[in-house]
Amino acid sequence: MEKEKLLNIMRKAEPILKRYRYPILVLFAGLLILALGAPQKEAAPASAQEARDAASADGTAQDGGFDLTAFEEKLQQDVSRISGVGRVSLSLSLKSTEEAVYAADIRQSSQNTETTSYESALSIVSDGSYGQQPILVKKQYPTFRGALVLCDGADNDTVRLAVTDAVSTMCGIGADKVSVLKMQS
């Protein structure tokens, strides 16, 4: 009896499935993509040190700002892994610090042909929890002025070139702004 009911339902559904087979396939493909593409939660770091390491791996602090000390430490670790370098001490100098650029409403008024005045006000939006915050247009990260690298292998030209290339690439400065010197024993 149940087989008959199932066959009856199949006979009724067959023309509908034939007519709408492509939209149904697209629907199932979309659902599959959504199911497979859902972001997975990352496991929380086991210790506070791991959390700091993860946050500072790219030179950003916990609050999203640039952390020069963390960036120097990470770069120092990376440079020390270069073959023949040995011990490393690295110092970076900044040309400009991090800067946030916010949206502003600028009004221009002219009383006559000679005088023009400008009025600027910071654009603010509500954050949804009874607070207001300015609209961030872009964040400019610091630019580096130069780098000083002290290492054991600086007497080898190949090592000195590799260190110079690595530091200039990571800091976005020219090779002439990187000084690699032999570390005192």
Protein backbone atom coordinates (compact mmCIF):
# COMPACT_ATOMS: atom_id res chain seq x y z
CA MET A 1 0.00 0.00 0.00
CA GLU A 2 2.79 2.39 0.84
CA LYS A 3 4.52 1.50 -2.42
CA GLU A 4 1.41 2.53 -4.30
CA LYS A 5 1.28 5.90 -2.51
CA LEU A 6 4.95 6.50 -3.26
CA LEU A 7 4.49 5.57 -6.94
CA ASN A 8 1.45 7.85 -7.16
CA ILE A 9 3.44 10.79 -5.70
CA MET A 10 6.30 10.09 -8.12
CA ARG A 11 3.93 10.11 -11.13
CA LYS A 12 2.48 13.45 -10.05
CA ALA A 13 5.92 15.00 -9.37
CA GLU A 14 7.53 13.78 -12.62
CA PRO A 15 6.09 16.50 -14.92
CA ILE A 16 6.96 19.21 -12.37
CA LEU A 17 10.53 17.93 -12.02
CA LYS A 18 10.96 17.76 -15.80
CA ARG A 19 9.61 21.27 -16.28
CA TYR A 20 11.64 22.90 -13.47
CA ARG A 21 14.75 20.69 -13.49
CA TYR A 22 17.22 23.52 -14.26
CA PRO A 23 16.00 25.95 -11.59
CA ILE A 24 15.99 23.08 -9.09
CA LEU A 25 19.58 22.16 -10.06
CA VAL A 26 20.66 25.79 -9.66
CA LEU A 27 18.94 25.96 -6.27
CA PHE A 28 20.70 22.82 -5.03
CA ALA A 29 24.06 24.02 -6.40
CA GLY A 30 23.60 27.31 -4.55
CA LEU A 31 22.73 25.55 -1.31
CA LEU A 32 25.79 23.32 -1.71
CA ILE A 33 28.04 26.33 -2.26
CA LEU A 34 26.59 28.06 0.79
CA ALA A 35 27.08 24.97 2.93
CA LEU A 36 30.67 24.40 1.83
CA GLY A 37 31.67 28.06 1.78
CA ALA A 38 30.50 28.92 5.28
CA PRO A 39 33.36 30.39 7.33
CA GLN A 40 34.66 28.12 10.05
CA LYS A 41 35.41 29.48 13.51
CA GLU A 42 39.09 29.40 14.37
CA ALA A 43 40.17 27.73 17.56
CA ALA A 44 41.06 30.19 20.29
CA PRO A 45 44.79 30.47 21.04
CA ALA A 46 45.81 28.35 24.00
CA SER A 47 47.86 31.05 25.70
CA ALA A 48 48.18 34.80 25.84
CA GLN A 49 51.59 34.56 24.12
CA GLU A 50 50.04 32.73 21.14
CA ALA A 51 47.35 35.42 20.91
CA ARG A 52 50.01 38.15 20.86
CA ASP A 53 52.02 36.25 18.25
CA ALA A 54 48.97 35.77 16.04
CA ALA A 55 47.93 39.42 16.33
CA SER A 56 51.41 40.77 15.75
CA ALA A 57 52.39 38.46 12.90
CA ASP A 58 51.71 41.19 10.37
CA GLY A 59 52.75 44.11 12.59
CA THR A 60 49.29 45.07 13.81
CA ALA A 61 48.38 45.52 17.44
CA GLN A 62 45.30 44.08 19.16
CA ASP A 63 43.30 47.25 18.40
CA GLY A 64 44.14 47.11 14.69
CA GLY A 65 46.90 49.71 14.85
CA PHE A 66 50.52 49.34 13.76
CA ASP A 67 52.93 48.06 16.42
CA LEU A 68 56.54 48.94 15.55
CA THR A 69 58.04 46.72 18.26
CA ALA A 70 56.10 43.66 17.11
CA PHE A 71 57.01 44.37 13.48
CA GLU A 72 60.71 44.70 14.38
CA GLU A 73 60.63 41.44 16.36
CA LYS A 74 58.93 39.55 13.52
CA LEU A 75 61.36 40.94 10.94
CA GLN A 76 64.31 40.14 13.20
CA GLN A 77 63.10 36.52 13.51
CA ASP A 78 62.68 36.25 9.74
CA VAL A 79 66.12 37.71 9.01
CA SER A 80 67.76 35.38 11.54
CA ARG A 81 66.47 32.42 9.50
CA ILE A 82 68.54 33.44 6.46
CA SER A 83 71.44 31.06 5.93
CA GLY A 84 74.71 32.37 7.41
CA VAL A 85 73.23 35.33 9.27
CA GLY A 86 73.67 34.14 12.87
CA ARG A 87 72.60 36.47 15.67
CA VAL A 88 70.59 39.53 14.58
CA SER A 89 69.75 42.91 16.06
CA LEU A 90 67.43 45.12 14.03
CA SER A 91 66.33 48.75 14.42
CA LEU A 92 63.88 50.61 12.22
CA SER A 93 63.31 54.35 12.01
CA LEU A 94 60.02 55.85 10.92
CA LYS A 95 59.51 58.77 8.55
CA SER A 96 55.84 59.12 9.46
CA THR A 97 53.58 57.41 11.96
CA GLU A 98 50.22 55.78 11.40
CA GLU A 99 47.48 58.18 10.36
CA ALA A 100 43.72 57.80 10.05
CA VAL A 101 41.85 59.87 7.46
CA TYR A 102 38.21 60.61 8.29
CA ALA A 103 35.39 61.84 6.05
CA ALA A 104 34.50 65.51 6.37
CA ASP A 105 31.70 67.74 5.11
CA ILE A 106 33.25 70.84 3.55
CA ARG A 107 31.13 73.89 2.82
CA GLN A 108 32.36 76.77 0.70
CA SER A 109 30.82 80.20 0.87
CA SER A 110 31.69 83.31 -1.12
CA GLN A 111 30.62 86.79 -0.11
CA ASN A 112 32.26 88.48 -3.07
CA THR A 113 34.89 87.62 -5.67
CA GLU A 114 37.81 88.21 -3.30
CA THR A 115 36.78 86.38 -0.13
CA THR A 116 35.94 82.73 0.04
CA SER A 117 35.54 80.85 3.29
CA TYR A 118 35.58 77.13 3.93
CA GLU A 119 33.87 75.33 6.78
CA SER A 120 34.72 71.74 7.59
CA ALA A 121 32.87 69.35 9.88
CA LEU A 122 33.69 65.73 10.64
CA SER A 123 31.14 63.25 9.21
CA ILE A 124 29.67 61.11 11.99
CA VAL A 125 27.42 58.04 11.89
CA SER A 126 25.52 56.25 14.61
CA ASP A 127 26.99 52.89 15.53
CA GLY A 128 23.61 51.46 16.52
CA SER A 129 24.25 51.31 20.26
CA TYR A 130 23.45 54.91 21.20
CA GLY A 131 26.92 56.08 20.22
CA GLN A 132 28.47 57.95 17.34
CA GLN A 133 31.75 57.52 15.56
CA PRO A 134 33.47 59.28 12.66
CA ILE A 135 33.56 57.70 9.20
CA LEU A 136 37.01 56.26 8.52
CA VAL A 137 37.97 56.78 4.87
CA LYS A 138 41.39 55.14 4.97
CA LYS A 139 44.21 54.24 7.29
CA GLN A 140 47.75 55.12 6.25
CA TYR A 141 50.38 52.91 7.79
CA PRO A 142 53.73 54.38 8.78
CA THR A 143 56.50 54.81 6.25
CA PHE A 144 60.03 53.82 7.12
CA ARG A 145 63.06 56.09 6.91
CA GLY A 146 65.73 53.41 7.22
CA ALA A 147 66.94 50.25 8.89
CA LEU A 148 70.04 49.20 10.80
CA VAL A 149 70.81 45.48 10.94
CA LEU A 150 73.61 44.07 13.06
CA CYS A 151 74.42 40.41 12.43
CA ASP A 152 77.22 37.89 12.76
CA GLY A 153 77.38 37.07 9.04
CA ALA A 154 77.66 40.64 7.77
CA ASP A 155 81.27 40.11 6.67
CA ASN A 156 79.99 37.79 3.89
CA ASP A 157 78.78 39.78 0.84
CA THR A 158 76.13 37.21 -0.09
CA VAL A 159 74.63 37.30 3.40
CA ARG A 160 74.74 41.09 3.49
CA LEU A 161 72.92 41.27 0.12
CA ALA A 162 70.27 38.75 1.25
CA VAL A 163 69.64 40.67 4.48
CA THR A 164 69.47 43.99 2.62
CA ASP A 165 66.97 42.57 0.11
CA ALA A 166 64.80 41.04 2.84
CA VAL A 167 64.64 44.18 4.97
CA SER A 168 64.12 46.56 2.04
CA THR A 169 61.31 44.36 0.71
CA MET A 170 59.51 44.04 4.05
CA CYS A 171 59.81 47.75 4.88
CA GLY A 172 59.22 49.15 1.40
CA ILE A 173 62.44 51.16 1.38
CA GLY A 174 65.36 51.20 -1.03
CA ALA A 175 68.49 49.14 -0.46
CA ASP A 176 70.42 52.37 0.10
CA LYS A 177 68.33 52.95 3.25
CA VAL A 178 69.37 49.62 4.82
CA SER A 179 72.67 49.38 6.64
CA VAL A 180 73.97 45.88 7.43
CA LEU A 181 76.95 45.75 9.81
CA LYS A 182 78.94 43.04 11.56
CA MET A 183 77.82 42.41 15.12
CA GLN A 184 80.46 42.66 17.82
CA SER A 185 81.43 39.25 19.20
